[in-house]
PDB file of N, CA and C in Angstrom:
ATOM      1  N   UNK A   1      66.389  57.762 110.219  1.00  0.00           N
ATOM      2  CA  UNK A   1      66.068  59.640 108.982  1.00  0.00           C
ATOM      3  C   UNK A   1      65.597  60.112 108.163  1.00  0.00           C
ATOM      4  N   UNK A   2      63.688  59.515 108.172  1.00  0.00           N
ATOM      5  CA  UNK A   2      63.078  60.334 107.536  1.00  0.00           C
ATOM      6  C   UNK A   2      62.672  61.017 108.070  1.00  0.00           C
ATOM      7  N   UNK A   3      62.737  60.858 109.404  1.00  0.00           N
ATOM      8  CA  UNK A   3      61.875  61.989 110.586  1.00  0.00           C
ATOM      9  C   UNK A   3      63.282  62.902 110.807  1.00  0.00           C
ATOM     10  N   UNK A   4      64.499  63.070 110.692  1.00  0.00           N
ATOM     11  CA  UNK A   4      65.342  64.598 110.266  1.00  0.00           C
ATOM     12  C   UNK A   4      65.012  65.039 109.232  1.00  0.00           C
ATOM     13  N   UNK A   5      64.635  64.521 108.140  1.00  0.00           N
ATOM     14  CA  UNK A   5      64.168  64.947 107.099  1.00  0.00           C
ATOM     15  C   UNK A   5      63.308  65.912 107.088  1.00  0.00           C
ATOM     16  N   UNK A   6      61.695  65.523 107.631  1.00  0.00           N
ATOM     17  CA  UNK A   6      60.722  65.871 108.333  1.00  0.00           C
ATOM     18  C   UNK A   6      61.382  67.050 109.159  1.00  0.00           C
ATOM     19  N   UNK A   7      61.910  67.144 109.897  1.00  0.00           N
ATOM     20  CA  UNK A   7      62.125  67.880 110.792  1.00  0.00           C
ATOM     21  C   UNK A   7      62.946  69.072 110.227  1.00  0.00           C
ATOM     22  N   UNK A   8      64.046  68.644 109.543  1.00  0.00           N
ATOM     23  CA  UNK A   8      64.239  69.638 108.564  1.00  0.00           C
ATOM     24  C   UNK A   8      63.858  70.996 107.574  1.00  0.00           C
ATOM     25  N   UNK A   9      62.670  70.059 107.049  1.00  0.00           N
ATOM     26  CA  UNK A   9      61.870  71.062 105.899  1.00  0.00           C
ATOM     27  C   UNK A   9      60.765  71.791 106.978  1.00  0.00           C
ATOM     28  N   UNK A  10      60.238  71.132 107.977  1.00  0.00           N
ATOM     29  CA  UNK A  10      59.683  71.936 109.104  1.00  0.00           C
ATOM     30  C   UNK A  10      60.245  73.230 109.575  1.00  0.00           C
ATOM     31  N   UNK A  11      61.757  73.496 109.785  1.00  0.00           N
ATOM     32  CA  UNK A  11      62.174  73.963 110.398  1.00  0.00           C
ATOM     33  C   UNK A  11      62.158  75.127 109.204  1.00  0.00           C
ATOM     34  N   UNK A  12      63.236  74.929 108.035  1.00  0.00           N
ATOM     35  CA  UNK A  12      63.377  75.062 106.516  1.00  0.00           C
ATOM     36  C   UNK A  12      61.801  76.583 106.186  1.00  0.00           C
ATOM     37  N   UNK A  13      61.041  75.667 106.493  1.00  0.00           N
ATOM     38  CA  UNK A  13      59.522  76.413 105.910  1.00  0.00           C
ATOM     39  C   UNK A  13      59.186  77.115 107.525  1.00  0.00           C
ATOM     40  N   UNK A  14      59.472  77.217 108.669  1.00  0.00           N
ATOM     41  CA  UNK A  14      59.266  78.449 108.745  1.00  0.00           C
ATOM     42  C   UNK A  14      60.421  78.885 109.419  1.00  0.00           C
ATOM     43  N   UNK A  15      61.602  79.502 108.628  1.00  0.00           N
ATOM     44  CA  UNK A  15      62.177  80.102 108.531  1.00  0.00           C
ATOM     45  C   UNK A  15      62.078  81.015 107.338  1.00  0.00           C
ATOM     46  N   UNK A  16      61.787  80.498 106.537  1.00  0.00           N
ATOM     47  CA  UNK A  16      61.080  81.488 105.779  1.00  0.00           C
ATOM     48  C   UNK A  16      59.595  81.993 105.512  1.00  0.00           C
ATOM     49  N   UNK A  17      59.112  81.110 106.903  1.00  0.00           N
ATOM     50  CA  UNK A  17      57.336  82.311 106.558  1.00  0.00           C
ATOM     51  C   UNK A  17      58.125  83.354 107.526  1.00  0.00           C
ATOM     52  N   UNK A  18      58.677  83.548 108.789  1.00  0.00           N
ATOM     53  CA  UNK A  18      59.819  84.620 109.425  1.00  0.00           C
ATOM     54  C   UNK A  18      60.120  85.468 108.355  1.00  0.00           C
ATOM     55  N   UNK A  19      61.431  84.873 107.125  1.00  0.00           N
ATOM     56  CA  UNK A  19      61.969  85.913 106.580  1.00  0.00           C
ATOM     57  C   UNK A  19      60.740  86.754 105.704  1.00  0.00           C
ATOM     58  N   UNK A  20      59.681  86.128 105.560  1.00  0.00           N
ATOM     59  CA  UNK A  20      58.409  86.864 104.384  1.00  0.00           C
ATOM     60  C   UNK A  20      57.485  87.638 105.433  1.00  0.00           C
ATOM     61  N   UNK A  21      57.075  87.217 106.921  1.00  0.00           N
ATOM     62  CA  UNK A  21      56.814  88.019 107.619  1.00  0.00           C
ATOM     63  C   UNK A  21      57.353  89.791 107.900  1.00  0.00           C
ATOM     64  N   UNK A  22      58.825  89.792 108.421  1.00  0.00           N
ATOM     65  CA  UNK A  22      59.462  90.509 108.434  1.00  0.00           C
ATOM     66  C   UNK A  22      59.766  91.567 107.681  1.00  0.00           C
ATOM     67  N   UNK A  23      59.529  92.539 107.440  1.00  0.00           N
ATOM     68  CA  UNK A  23      60.172  92.719 105.775  1.00  0.00           C
ATOM     69  C   UNK A  23      61.494  93.063 105.110  1.00  0.00           C
ATOM     70  N   UNK A  24      62.510  93.356 106.706  1.00  0.00           N
ATOM     71  CA  UNK A  24      63.658  93.912 106.791  1.00  0.00           C
ATOM     72  C   UNK A  24      64.715  92.612 106.777  1.00  0.00           C
ATOM     73  N   UNK A  25      63.937  91.036 106.432  1.00  0.00           N
ATOM     74  CA  UNK A  25      64.292  89.897 107.172  1.00  0.00           C
ATOM     75  C   UNK A  25      64.159  89.008 105.494  1.00  0.00           C
ATOM     76  N   UNK A  26      64.020  89.474 104.388  1.00  0.00           N
ATOM     77  CA  UNK A  26      63.860  88.821 103.028  1.00  0.00           C
ATOM     78  C   UNK A  26      65.227  87.748 102.451  1.00  0.00           C
ATOM     79  N   UNK A  27      65.879  87.867 102.983  1.00  0.00           N
ATOM     80  CA  UNK A  27      67.232  87.853 103.050  1.00  0.00           C
ATOM     81  C   UNK A  27      66.811  86.116 103.665  1.00  0.00           C
ATOM     82  N   UNK A  28      66.463  86.210 105.052  1.00  0.00           N
ATOM     83  CA  UNK A  28      65.892  84.971 105.575  1.00  0.00           C
ATOM     84  C   UNK A  28      65.445  83.980 104.591  1.00  0.00           C
ATOM     85  N   UNK A  29      64.196  84.585 104.117  1.00  0.00           N
ATOM     86  CA  UNK A  29      63.155  84.074 103.267  1.00  0.00           C
ATOM     87  C   UNK A  29      63.947  83.046 102.423  1.00  0.00           C
ATOM     88  N   UNK A  30      64.893  83.895 102.035  1.00  0.00           N
ATOM     89  CA  UNK A  30      65.651  83.205 100.738  1.00  0.00           C
ATOM     90  C   UNK A  30      66.747  82.085 100.625  1.00  0.00           C
ATOM     91  N   UNK A  31      66.737  82.261 101.518  1.00  0.00           N
ATOM     92  CA  UNK A  31      68.024  81.134 102.488  1.00  0.00           C
ATOM     93  C   UNK A  31      67.252  79.950 102.555  1.00  0.00           C
ATOM     94  N   UNK A  32      66.048  80.213 103.645  1.00  0.00           N
ATOM     95  CA  UNK A  32      64.691  79.153 104.035  1.00  0.00           C
ATOM     96  C   UNK A  32      64.155  78.531 102.590  1.00  0.00           C
ATOM     97  N   UNK A  33      64.358  79.217 101.443  1.00  0.00           N
ATOM     98  CA  UNK A  33      63.729  78.670 100.506  1.00  0.00           C
ATOM     99  C   UNK A  33      64.436  77.519  99.907  1.00  0.00           C
ATOM    100  N   UNK A  34      65.877  78.057  99.771  1.00  0.00           N
ATOM    101  CA  UNK A  34      66.716  77.667  99.188  1.00  0.00           C
ATOM    102  C   UNK A  34      67.241  76.530  99.766  1.00  0.00           C
ATOM    103  N   UNK A  35      67.133  76.805 101.636  1.00  0.00           N
ATOM    104  CA  UNK A  35      67.525  75.425 101.572  1.00  0.00           C
ATOM    105  C   UNK A  35      66.684  73.919 102.182  1.00  0.00           C
ATOM    106  N   UNK A  36      65.391  74.755 102.103  1.00  0.00           N
ATOM    107  CA  UNK A  36      64.281  73.613 101.498  1.00  0.00           C
ATOM    108  C   UNK A  36      64.115  73.317 100.627  1.00  0.00           C
ATOM    109  N   UNK A  37      64.183  73.696  99.173  1.00  0.00           N
ATOM    110  CA  UNK A  37      64.402  72.803  98.169  1.00  0.00           C
ATOM    111  C   UNK A  37      65.842  72.175  98.191  1.00  0.00           C
ATOM    112  N   UNK A  38      66.880  72.024  98.670  1.00  0.00           N
ATOM    113  CA  UNK A  38      67.965  71.409  98.933  1.00  0.00           C
ATOM    114  C   UNK A  38      67.293  70.232  99.528  1.00  0.00           C
ATOM    115  N   UNK A  39      67.165  70.092 101.308  1.00  0.00           N
ATOM    116  CA  UNK A  39      66.451  69.387 101.803  1.00  0.00           C
ATOM    117  C   UNK A  39      66.011  68.616 100.785  1.00  0.00           C
ATOM    118  N   UNK A  40      64.758  68.836 100.262  1.00  0.00           N
ATOM    119  CA  UNK A  40      63.662  67.874  99.202  1.00  0.00           C
ATOM    120  C   UNK A  40      64.277  67.450  98.837  1.00  0.00           C
ATOM    121  N   UNK A  41      65.086  67.543  97.559  1.00  0.00           N
ATOM    122  CA  UNK A  41      65.984  67.217  96.861  1.00  0.00           C
ATOM    123  C   UNK A  41      66.746  65.718  96.854  1.00  0.00           C
ATOM    124  N   UNK A  42      67.813  66.372  98.183  1.00  0.00           N
ATOM    125  CA  UNK A  42      68.169  65.463  98.738  1.00  0.00           C
ATOM    126  C   UNK A  42      67.544  63.985  99.519  1.00  0.00           C
ATOM    127  N   UNK A  43      66.401  64.418  99.928  1.00  0.00           N
ATOM    128  CA  UNK A  43      65.588  63.198 101.007  1.00  0.00           C
ATOM    129  C   UNK A  43      65.165  62.465  99.480  1.00  0.00           C
ATOM    130  N   UNK A  44      64.862  63.677  98.814  1.00  0.00           N
ATOM    131  CA  UNK A  44      64.505  62.554  97.688  1.00  0.00           C
ATOM    132  C   UNK A  44      65.102  61.455  96.790  1.00  0.00           C
ATOM    133  N   UNK A  45      66.408  62.155  96.769  1.00  0.00           N
ATOM    134  CA  UNK A  45      67.459  61.463  95.616  1.00  0.00           C
ATOM    135  C   UNK A  45      67.594  59.879  96.472  1.00  0.00           C
ATOM    136  N   UNK A  46      67.216  60.067  97.705  1.00  0.00           N
ATOM    137  CA  UNK A  46      68.481  59.190  98.778  1.00  0.00           C
ATOM    138  C   UNK A  46      67.094  58.301  99.123  1.00  0.00           C
ATOM    139  N   UNK A  47      65.873  58.566  99.174  1.00  0.00           N
ATOM    140  CA  UNK A  47      64.576  57.841  99.341  1.00  0.00           C
ATOM    141  C   UNK A  47      65.178  56.925  97.875  1.00  0.00           C
ATOM    142  N   UNK A  48      64.642  57.372  96.664  1.00  0.00           N
ATOM    143  CA  UNK A  48      64.866  56.665  95.479  1.00  0.00           C
ATOM    144  C   UNK A  48      66.136  55.837  95.268  1.00  0.00           C
ATOM    145  N   UNK A  49      66.906  55.765  95.913  1.00  0.00           N
ATOM    146  CA  UNK A  49      68.159  55.252  95.364  1.00  0.00           C
ATOM    147  C   UNK A  49      67.910  53.931  96.509  1.00  0.00           C
ATOM    148  N   UNK A  50      67.566  54.419  98.001  1.00  0.00           N
ATOM    149  CA  UNK A  50      67.748  53.126  98.664  1.00  0.00           C
ATOM    150  C   UNK A  50      66.125  51.770  98.646  1.00  0.00           C
ATOM    151  N   UNK A  51      65.269  52.826  97.234  1.00  0.00           N
ATOM    152  CA  UNK A  51      64.789  51.945  97.497  1.00  0.00           C
ATOM    153  C   UNK A  51      65.133  50.287  96.540  1.00  0.00           C
ATOM    154  N   UNK A  52      66.241  50.424  95.602  1.00  0.00           N
ATOM    155  CA  UNK A  52      66.284  49.513  94.541  1.00  0.00           C
ATOM    156  C   UNK A  52      67.279  48.886  95.277  1.00  0.00           C
TER     157      UNK A  52
END
């Protein structure tokens, strides 16, 4: 599960970088940031709840 979350985080980071690199795709960068933060939050919550 941890590997899957890391792969998703890297994917969202790449999407964000591409969105900022190409001026017409700023919306892609915004989506990438939202997905990156969401995946990070889900991973953090699941990691903390599974440790109990």
